[in-house]
Amino acid sequence: MSPEQIISVRNYLCKRLGNEGISIKPRKVSDSVEVYLDDEILGLLYIDNEDPDDISYDLNISILQVDLDEA
């Protein structure tokens, strides 16, 4: 993902989720980035850009059972 795409998606997520604590960090692989809420990883964001006229982003959030038990 380009830096411009990262900024755009981050701004969208902050607005949509009502939380400015969201950040997006690049990974060593180029197919995805890490999404954080404050200092905790929330999930991975993938870009689907096979068709340049129809780009989409997929956010994959993993929830551990131990986290549910603590909630």
PDB file of N, CA and C in Angstrom:
ATOM      1  N   MET A   1       0.846  -1.183   0.000  1.00  0.00           N
ATOM      2  CA  MET A   1       0.000   0.000   0.000  1.00  0.00           C
ATOM      3  C   MET A   1       0.887   1.240   0.000  1.00  0.00           C
ATOM      4  N   SER A   2       0.444   2.225  -0.713  1.00  0.00           N
ATOM      5  CA  SER A   2       1.200   3.473  -0.771  1.00  0.00           C
ATOM      6  C   SER A   2       0.960   4.276   0.513  1.00  0.00           C
ATOM      7  N   PRO A   3       1.854   5.186   0.829  1.00  0.00           N
ATOM      8  CA  PRO A   3       1.639   6.043   2.009  1.00  0.00           C
ATOM      9  C   PRO A   3       0.317   6.814   1.930  1.00  0.00           C
ATOM     10  N   GLU A   4      -0.064   7.236   0.736  1.00  0.00           N
ATOM     11  CA  GLU A   4      -1.330   7.965   0.567  1.00  0.00           C
ATOM     12  C   GLU A   4      -2.526   7.073   0.880  1.00  0.00           C
ATOM     13  N   GLN A   5      -2.469   5.816   0.436  1.00  0.00           N
ATOM     14  CA  GLN A   5      -3.552   4.877   0.727  1.00  0.00           C
ATOM     15  C   GLN A   5      -3.636   4.599   2.229  1.00  0.00           C
ATOM     16  N   ILE A   6      -2.493   4.445   2.870  1.00  0.00           N
ATOM     17  CA  ILE A   6      -2.470   4.197   4.316  1.00  0.00           C
ATOM     18  C   ILE A   6      -3.119   5.356   5.062  1.00  0.00           C
ATOM     19  N   ILE A   7      -2.772   6.572   4.704  1.00  0.00           N
ATOM     20  CA  ILE A   7      -3.354   7.751   5.356  1.00  0.00           C
ATOM     21  C   ILE A   7      -4.857   7.808   5.114  1.00  0.00           C
ATOM     22  N   SER A   8      -5.276   7.554   3.889  1.00  0.00           N
ATOM     23  CA  SER A   8      -6.699   7.606   3.551  1.00  0.00           C
ATOM     24  C   SER A   8      -7.500   6.563   4.325  1.00  0.00           C
ATOM     25  N   VAL A   9      -6.989   5.334   4.378  1.00  0.00           N
ATOM     26  CA  VAL A   9      -7.695   4.269   5.100  1.00  0.00           C
ATOM     27  C   VAL A   9      -7.697   4.562   6.601  1.00  0.00           C
ATOM     28  N   ARG A  10      -6.588   5.057   7.141  1.00  0.00           N
ATOM     29  CA  ARG A  10      -6.524   5.387   8.564  1.00  0.00           C
ATOM     30  C   ARG A  10      -7.559   6.465   8.908  1.00  0.00           C
ATOM     31  N   ASN A  11      -7.630   7.505   8.100  1.00  0.00           N
ATOM     32  CA  ASN A  11      -8.604   8.578   8.344  1.00  0.00           C
ATOM     33  C   ASN A  11     -10.032   8.039   8.294  1.00  0.00           C
ATOM     34  N   TYR A  12     -10.307   7.168   7.340  1.00  0.00           N
ATOM     35  CA  TYR A  12     -11.638   6.565   7.226  1.00  0.00           C
ATOM     36  C   TYR A  12     -11.968   5.752   8.484  1.00  0.00           C
ATOM     37  N   LEU A  13     -11.035   4.889   8.906  1.00  0.00           N
ATOM     38  CA  LEU A  13     -11.289   4.045  10.077  1.00  0.00           C
ATOM     39  C   LEU A  13     -11.483   4.884  11.338  1.00  0.00           C
ATOM     40  N   CYS A  14     -10.670   5.918  11.513  1.00  0.00           N
ATOM     41  CA  CYS A  14     -10.816   6.791  12.687  1.00  0.00           C
ATOM     42  C   CYS A  14     -12.192   7.447  12.710  1.00  0.00           C
ATOM     43  N   LYS A  15     -12.621   7.950  11.575  1.00  0.00           N
ATOM     44  CA  LYS A  15     -13.926   8.605  11.497  1.00  0.00           C
ATOM     45  C   LYS A  15     -15.052   7.598  11.702  1.00  0.00           C
ATOM     46  N   ARG A  16     -14.976   6.471  11.000  1.00  0.00           N
ATOM     47  CA  ARG A  16     -16.040   5.463  11.038  1.00  0.00           C
ATOM     48  C   ARG A  16     -16.181   4.827  12.417  1.00  0.00           C
ATOM     49  N   LEU A  17     -15.043   4.566  13.073  1.00  0.00           N
ATOM     50  CA  LEU A  17     -15.064   3.913  14.377  1.00  0.00           C
ATOM     51  C   LEU A  17     -15.059   4.905  15.536  1.00  0.00           C
ATOM     52  N   GLY A  18     -14.934   6.197  15.233  1.00  0.00           N
ATOM     53  CA  GLY A  18     -14.977   7.220  16.262  1.00  0.00           C
ATOM     54  C   GLY A  18     -13.825   7.132  17.249  1.00  0.00           C
ATOM     55  N   ASN A  19     -12.629   6.825  16.734  1.00  0.00           N
ATOM     56  CA  ASN A  19     -11.487   6.667  17.621  1.00  0.00           C
ATOM     57  C   ASN A  19     -10.222   7.116  16.898  1.00  0.00           C
ATOM     58  N   GLU A  20      -9.574   8.133  17.425  1.00  0.00           N
ATOM     59  CA  GLU A  20      -8.343   8.654  16.828  1.00  0.00           C
ATOM     60  C   GLU A  20      -7.117   7.835  17.210  1.00  0.00           C
ATOM     61  N   GLY A  21      -7.299   6.790  18.021  1.00  0.00           N
ATOM     62  CA  GLY A  21      -6.186   5.957  18.459  1.00  0.00           C
ATOM     63  C   GLY A  21      -5.783   4.896  17.455  1.00  0.00           C
ATOM     64  N   ILE A  22      -6.336   4.947  16.263  1.00  0.00           N
ATOM     65  CA  ILE A  22      -6.029   3.949  15.235  1.00  0.00           C
ATOM     66  C   ILE A  22      -4.789   4.384  14.464  1.00  0.00           C
ATOM     67  N   SER A  23      -3.881   3.444  14.286  1.00  0.00           N
ATOM     68  CA  SER A  23      -2.698   3.700  13.464  1.00  0.00           C
ATOM     69  C   SER A  23      -2.487   2.502  12.542  1.00  0.00           C
ATOM     70  N   ILE A  24      -1.795   2.750  11.456  1.00  0.00           N
ATOM     71  CA  ILE A  24      -1.514   1.707  10.474  1.00  0.00           C
ATOM     72  C   ILE A  24      -0.019   1.692  10.223  1.00  0.00           C
ATOM     73  N   LYS A  25       0.560   0.493  10.328  1.00  0.00           N
ATOM     74  CA  LYS A  25       2.004   0.347  10.174  1.00  0.00           C
ATOM     75  C   LYS A  25       2.307  -0.658   9.062  1.00  0.00           C
ATOM     76  N   PRO A  26       3.270  -0.318   8.221  1.00  0.00           N
ATOM     77  CA  PRO A  26       3.663  -1.254   7.157  1.00  0.00           C
ATOM     78  C   PRO A  26       4.255  -2.535   7.735  1.00  0.00           C
ATOM     79  N   ARG A  27       4.198  -3.595   6.949  1.00  0.00           N
ATOM     80  CA  ARG A  27       4.820  -4.868   7.305  1.00  0.00           C
ATOM     81  C   ARG A  27       5.973  -5.133   6.353  1.00  0.00           C
ATOM     82  N   LYS A  28       6.731  -6.185   6.636  1.00  0.00           N
ATOM     83  CA  LYS A  28       7.828  -6.555   5.744  1.00  0.00           C
ATOM     84  C   LYS A  28       7.313  -7.093   4.419  1.00  0.00           C
ATOM     85  N   VAL A  29       6.104  -7.665   4.425  1.00  0.00           N
ATOM     86  CA  VAL A  29       5.480  -8.113   3.180  1.00  0.00           C
ATOM     87  C   VAL A  29       4.609  -6.978   2.646  1.00  0.00           C
ATOM     88  N   SER A  30       4.485  -6.915   1.336  1.00  0.00           N
ATOM     89  CA  SER A  30       3.808  -5.762   0.743  1.00  0.00           C
ATOM     90  C   SER A  30       2.309  -5.953   0.537  1.00  0.00           C
ATOM     91  N   ASP A  31       1.777  -7.142   0.852  1.00  0.00           N
ATOM     92  CA  ASP A  31       0.360  -7.391   0.572  1.00  0.00           C
ATOM     93  C   ASP A  31      -0.580  -6.905   1.672  1.00  0.00           C
ATOM     94  N   SER A  32      -0.017  -6.439   2.785  1.00  0.00           N
ATOM     95  CA  SER A  32      -0.879  -6.021   3.895  1.00  0.00           C
ATOM     96  C   SER A  32      -0.134  -5.073   4.827  1.00  0.00           C
ATOM     97  N   VAL A  33      -0.903  -4.452   5.710  1.00  0.00           N
ATOM     98  CA  VAL A  33      -0.365  -3.583   6.756  1.00  0.00           C
ATOM     99  C   VAL A  33      -1.016  -3.990   8.073  1.00  0.00           C
ATOM    100  N   GLU A  34      -0.407  -3.572   9.188  1.00  0.00           N
ATOM    101  CA  GLU A  34      -0.964  -3.868  10.511  1.00  0.00           C
ATOM    102  C   GLU A  34      -1.792  -2.685  10.985  1.00  0.00           C
ATOM    103  N   VAL A  35      -2.955  -2.965  11.556  1.00  0.00           N
ATOM    104  CA  VAL A  35      -3.823  -1.933  12.103  1.00  0.00           C
ATOM    105  C   VAL A  35      -3.765  -2.043  13.626  1.00  0.00           C
ATOM    106  N   TYR A  36      -3.492  -0.918  14.277  1.00  0.00           N
ATOM    107  CA  TYR A  36      -3.381  -0.869  15.737  1.00  0.00           C
ATOM    108  C   TYR A  36      -4.461   0.022  16.312  1.00  0.00           C
ATOM    109  N   LEU A  37      -4.915  -0.342  17.501  1.00  0.00           N
ATOM    110  CA  LEU A  37      -5.781   0.512  18.303  1.00  0.00           C
ATOM    111  C   LEU A  37      -4.980   0.840  19.545  1.00  0.00           C
ATOM    112  N   ASP A  38      -4.622   2.097  19.683  1.00  0.00           N
ATOM    113  CA  ASP A  38      -3.655   2.550  20.687  1.00  0.00           C
ATOM    114  C   ASP A  38      -2.353   1.783  20.437  1.00  0.00           C
ATOM    115  N   ASP A  39      -1.891   0.970  21.355  1.00  0.00           N
ATOM    116  CA  ASP A  39      -0.628   0.263  21.124  1.00  0.00           C
ATOM    117  C   ASP A  39      -0.816  -1.242  20.949  1.00  0.00           C
ATOM    118  N   GLU A  40      -2.051  -1.672  20.717  1.00  0.00           N
ATOM    119  CA  GLU A  40      -2.344  -3.092  20.570  1.00  0.00           C
ATOM    120  C   GLU A  40      -2.785  -3.396  19.143  1.00  0.00           C
ATOM    121  N   ILE A  41      -2.212  -4.464  18.572  1.00  0.00           N
ATOM    122  CA  ILE A  41      -2.583  -4.811  17.200  1.00  0.00           C
ATOM    123  C   ILE A  41      -4.046  -5.239  17.152  1.00  0.00           C
ATOM    124  N   LEU A  42      -4.758  -4.682  16.189  1.00  0.00           N
ATOM    125  CA  LEU A  42      -6.177  -4.974  16.015  1.00  0.00           C
ATOM    126  C   LEU A  42      -6.371  -6.009  14.909  1.00  0.00           C
ATOM    127  N   GLY A  43      -5.569  -5.916  13.842  1.00  0.00           N
ATOM    128  CA  GLY A  43      -5.714  -6.854  12.738  1.00  0.00           C
ATOM    129  C   GLY A  43      -4.830  -6.499  11.569  1.00  0.00           C
ATOM    130  N   LEU A  44      -5.064  -7.193  10.480  1.00  0.00           N
ATOM    131  CA  LEU A  44      -4.327  -6.962   9.242  1.00  0.00           C
ATOM    132  C   LEU A  44      -5.265  -6.412   8.179  1.00  0.00           C
ATOM    133  N   LEU A  45      -4.766  -5.480   7.425  1.00  0.00           N
ATOM    134  CA  LEU A  45      -5.531  -4.861   6.351  1.00  0.00           C
ATOM    135  C   LEU A  45      -4.882  -5.223   5.020  1.00  0.00           C
ATOM    136  N   TYR A  46      -5.675  -5.830   4.151  1.00  0.00           N
ATOM    137  CA  TYR A  46      -5.205  -6.248   2.831  1.00  0.00           C
ATOM    138  C   TYR A  46      -5.831  -5.354   1.768  1.00  0.00           C
ATOM    139  N   ILE A  47      -5.088  -5.128   0.705  1.00  0.00           N
ATOM    140  CA  ILE A  47      -5.611  -4.359  -0.417  1.00  0.00           C
ATOM    141  C   ILE A  47      -5.853  -5.314  -1.588  1.00  0.00           C
ATOM    142  N   ASP A  48      -6.997  -5.141  -2.238  1.00  0.00           N
ATOM    143  CA  ASP A  48      -7.317  -5.893  -3.454  1.00  0.00           C
ATOM    144  C   ASP A  48      -7.313  -4.879  -4.588  1.00  0.00           C
ATOM    145  N   ASN A  49      -6.221  -4.863  -5.331  1.00  0.00           N
ATOM    146  CA  ASN A  49      -6.088  -3.876  -6.410  1.00  0.00           C
ATOM    147  C   ASN A  49      -5.830  -4.539  -7.764  1.00  0.00           C
ATOM    148  N   GLU A  50      -6.360  -5.744  -7.931  1.00  0.00           N
ATOM    149  CA  GLU A  50      -6.214  -6.423  -9.224  1.00  0.00           C
ATOM    150  C   GLU A  50      -6.863  -5.622 -10.337  1.00  0.00           C
ATOM    151  N   ASP A  51      -8.000  -4.998 -10.036  1.00  0.00           N
ATOM    152  CA  ASP A  51      -8.675  -4.133 -11.000  1.00  0.00           C
ATOM    153  C   ASP A  51      -8.496  -2.689 -10.515  1.00  0.00           C
ATOM    154  N   PRO A  52      -7.665  -1.905 -11.181  1.00  0.00           N
ATOM    155  CA  PRO A  52      -7.384  -0.537 -10.728  1.00  0.00           C
ATOM    156  C   PRO A  52      -8.621   0.354 -10.617  1.00  0.00           C
ATOM    157  N   ASP A  53      -9.695  -0.019 -11.304  1.00  0.00           N
ATOM    158  CA  ASP A  53     -10.921   0.772 -11.235  1.00  0.00           C
ATOM    159  C   ASP A  53     -11.829   0.335 -10.093  1.00  0.00           C
ATOM    160  N   ASP A  54     -11.452  -0.731  -9.397  1.00  0.00           N
ATOM    161  CA  ASP A  54     -12.299  -1.273  -8.330  1.00  0.00           C
ATOM    162  C   ASP A  54     -11.433  -1.759  -7.164  1.00  0.00           C
ATOM    163  N   ILE A  55     -10.735  -0.840  -6.514  1.00  0.00           N
ATOM    164  CA  ILE A  55      -9.851  -1.173  -5.390  1.00  0.00           C
ATOM    165  C   ILE A  55     -10.693  -1.320  -4.127  1.00  0.00           C
ATOM    166  N   SER A  56     -10.376  -2.346  -3.340  1.00  0.00           N
ATOM    167  CA  SER A  56     -11.047  -2.519  -2.054  1.00  0.00           C
ATOM    168  C   SER A  56     -10.014  -2.907  -0.996  1.00  0.00           C
ATOM    169  N   TYR A  57     -10.408  -2.714   0.260  1.00  0.00           N
ATOM    170  CA  TYR A  57      -9.538  -3.015   1.390  1.00  0.00           C
ATOM    171  C   TYR A  57     -10.282  -3.976   2.304  1.00  0.00           C
ATOM    172  N   ASP A  58      -9.587  -5.002   2.774  1.00  0.00           N
ATOM    173  CA  ASP A  58     -10.192  -6.011   3.635  1.00  0.00           C
ATOM    174  C   ASP A  58      -9.485  -6.007   4.978  1.00  0.00           C
ATOM    175  N   LEU A  59     -10.243  -5.741   6.046  1.00  0.00           N
ATOM    176  CA  LEU A  59      -9.694  -5.729   7.396  1.00  0.00           C
ATOM    177  C   LEU A  59     -10.009  -7.054   8.055  1.00  0.00           C
ATOM    178  N   ASN A  60      -8.965  -7.769   8.458  1.00  0.00           N
ATOM    179  CA  ASN A  60      -9.094  -9.069   9.106  1.00  0.00           C
ATOM    180  C   ASN A  60      -8.741  -8.885  10.575  1.00  0.00           C
ATOM    181  N   ILE A  61      -9.735  -9.047  11.453  1.00  0.00           N
ATOM    182  CA  ILE A  61      -9.532  -8.896  12.892  1.00  0.00           C
ATOM    183  C   ILE A  61      -9.621 -10.269  13.539  1.00  0.00           C
ATOM    184  N   SER A  62      -8.576 -10.629  14.274  1.00  0.00           N
ATOM    185  CA  SER A  62      -8.564 -11.887  15.014  1.00  0.00           C
ATOM    186  C   SER A  62      -8.865 -11.592  16.485  1.00  0.00           C
ATOM    187  N   ILE A  63      -9.775 -12.354  17.056  1.00  0.00           N
ATOM    188  CA  ILE A  63     -10.137 -12.194  18.465  1.00  0.00           C
ATOM    189  C   ILE A  63      -9.807 -13.494  19.180  1.00  0.00           C
ATOM    190  N   LEU A  64      -8.932 -13.406  20.168  1.00  0.00           N
ATOM    191  CA  LEU A  64      -8.545 -14.589  20.929  1.00  0.00           C
ATOM    192  C   LEU A  64      -9.573 -14.897  22.013  1.00  0.00           C
ATOM    193  N   GLN A  65      -9.806 -16.145  22.263  1.00  0.00           N
ATOM    194  CA  GLN A  65     -10.745 -16.549  23.302  1.00  0.00           C
ATOM    195  C   GLN A  65     -10.344 -15.983  24.651  1.00  0.00           C
ATOM    196  N   VAL A  66      -9.046 -15.945  24.926  1.00  0.00           N
ATOM    197  CA  VAL A  66      -8.576 -15.426  26.211  1.00  0.00           C
ATOM    198  C   VAL A  66      -8.985 -13.954  26.379  1.00  0.00           C
ATOM    199  N   ASP A  67      -8.985 -13.189  25.279  1.00  0.00           N
ATOM    200  CA  ASP A  67      -9.433 -11.808  25.348  1.00  0.00           C
ATOM    201  C   ASP A  67     -10.917 -11.710  25.653  1.00  0.00           C
ATOM    202  N   LEU A  68     -11.714 -12.619  25.082  1.00  0.00           N
ATOM    203  CA  LEU A  68     -13.142 -12.646  25.388  1.00  0.00           C
ATOM    204  C   LEU A  68     -13.386 -13.002  26.837  1.00  0.00           C
ATOM    205  N   ASP A  69     -12.601 -13.951  27.358  1.00  0.00           N
ATOM    206  CA  ASP A  69     -12.758 -14.369  28.745  1.00  0.00           C
ATOM    207  C   ASP A  69     -12.438 -13.232  29.712  1.00  0.00           C
ATOM    208  N   GLU A  70     -11.479 -12.361  29.329  1.00  0.00           N
ATOM    209  CA  GLU A  70     -11.097 -11.236  30.185  1.00  0.00           C
ATOM    210  C   GLU A  70     -12.109 -10.099  30.121  1.00  0.00           C
ATOM    211  N   ALA A  71     -12.882 -10.052  29.043  1.00  0.00           N
ATOM    212  CA  ALA A  71     -13.862  -8.975  28.879  1.00  0.00           C
ATOM    213  C   ALA A  71     -15.003  -9.236  29.735  1.00  0.00           C
TER     214      ALA A  71
END
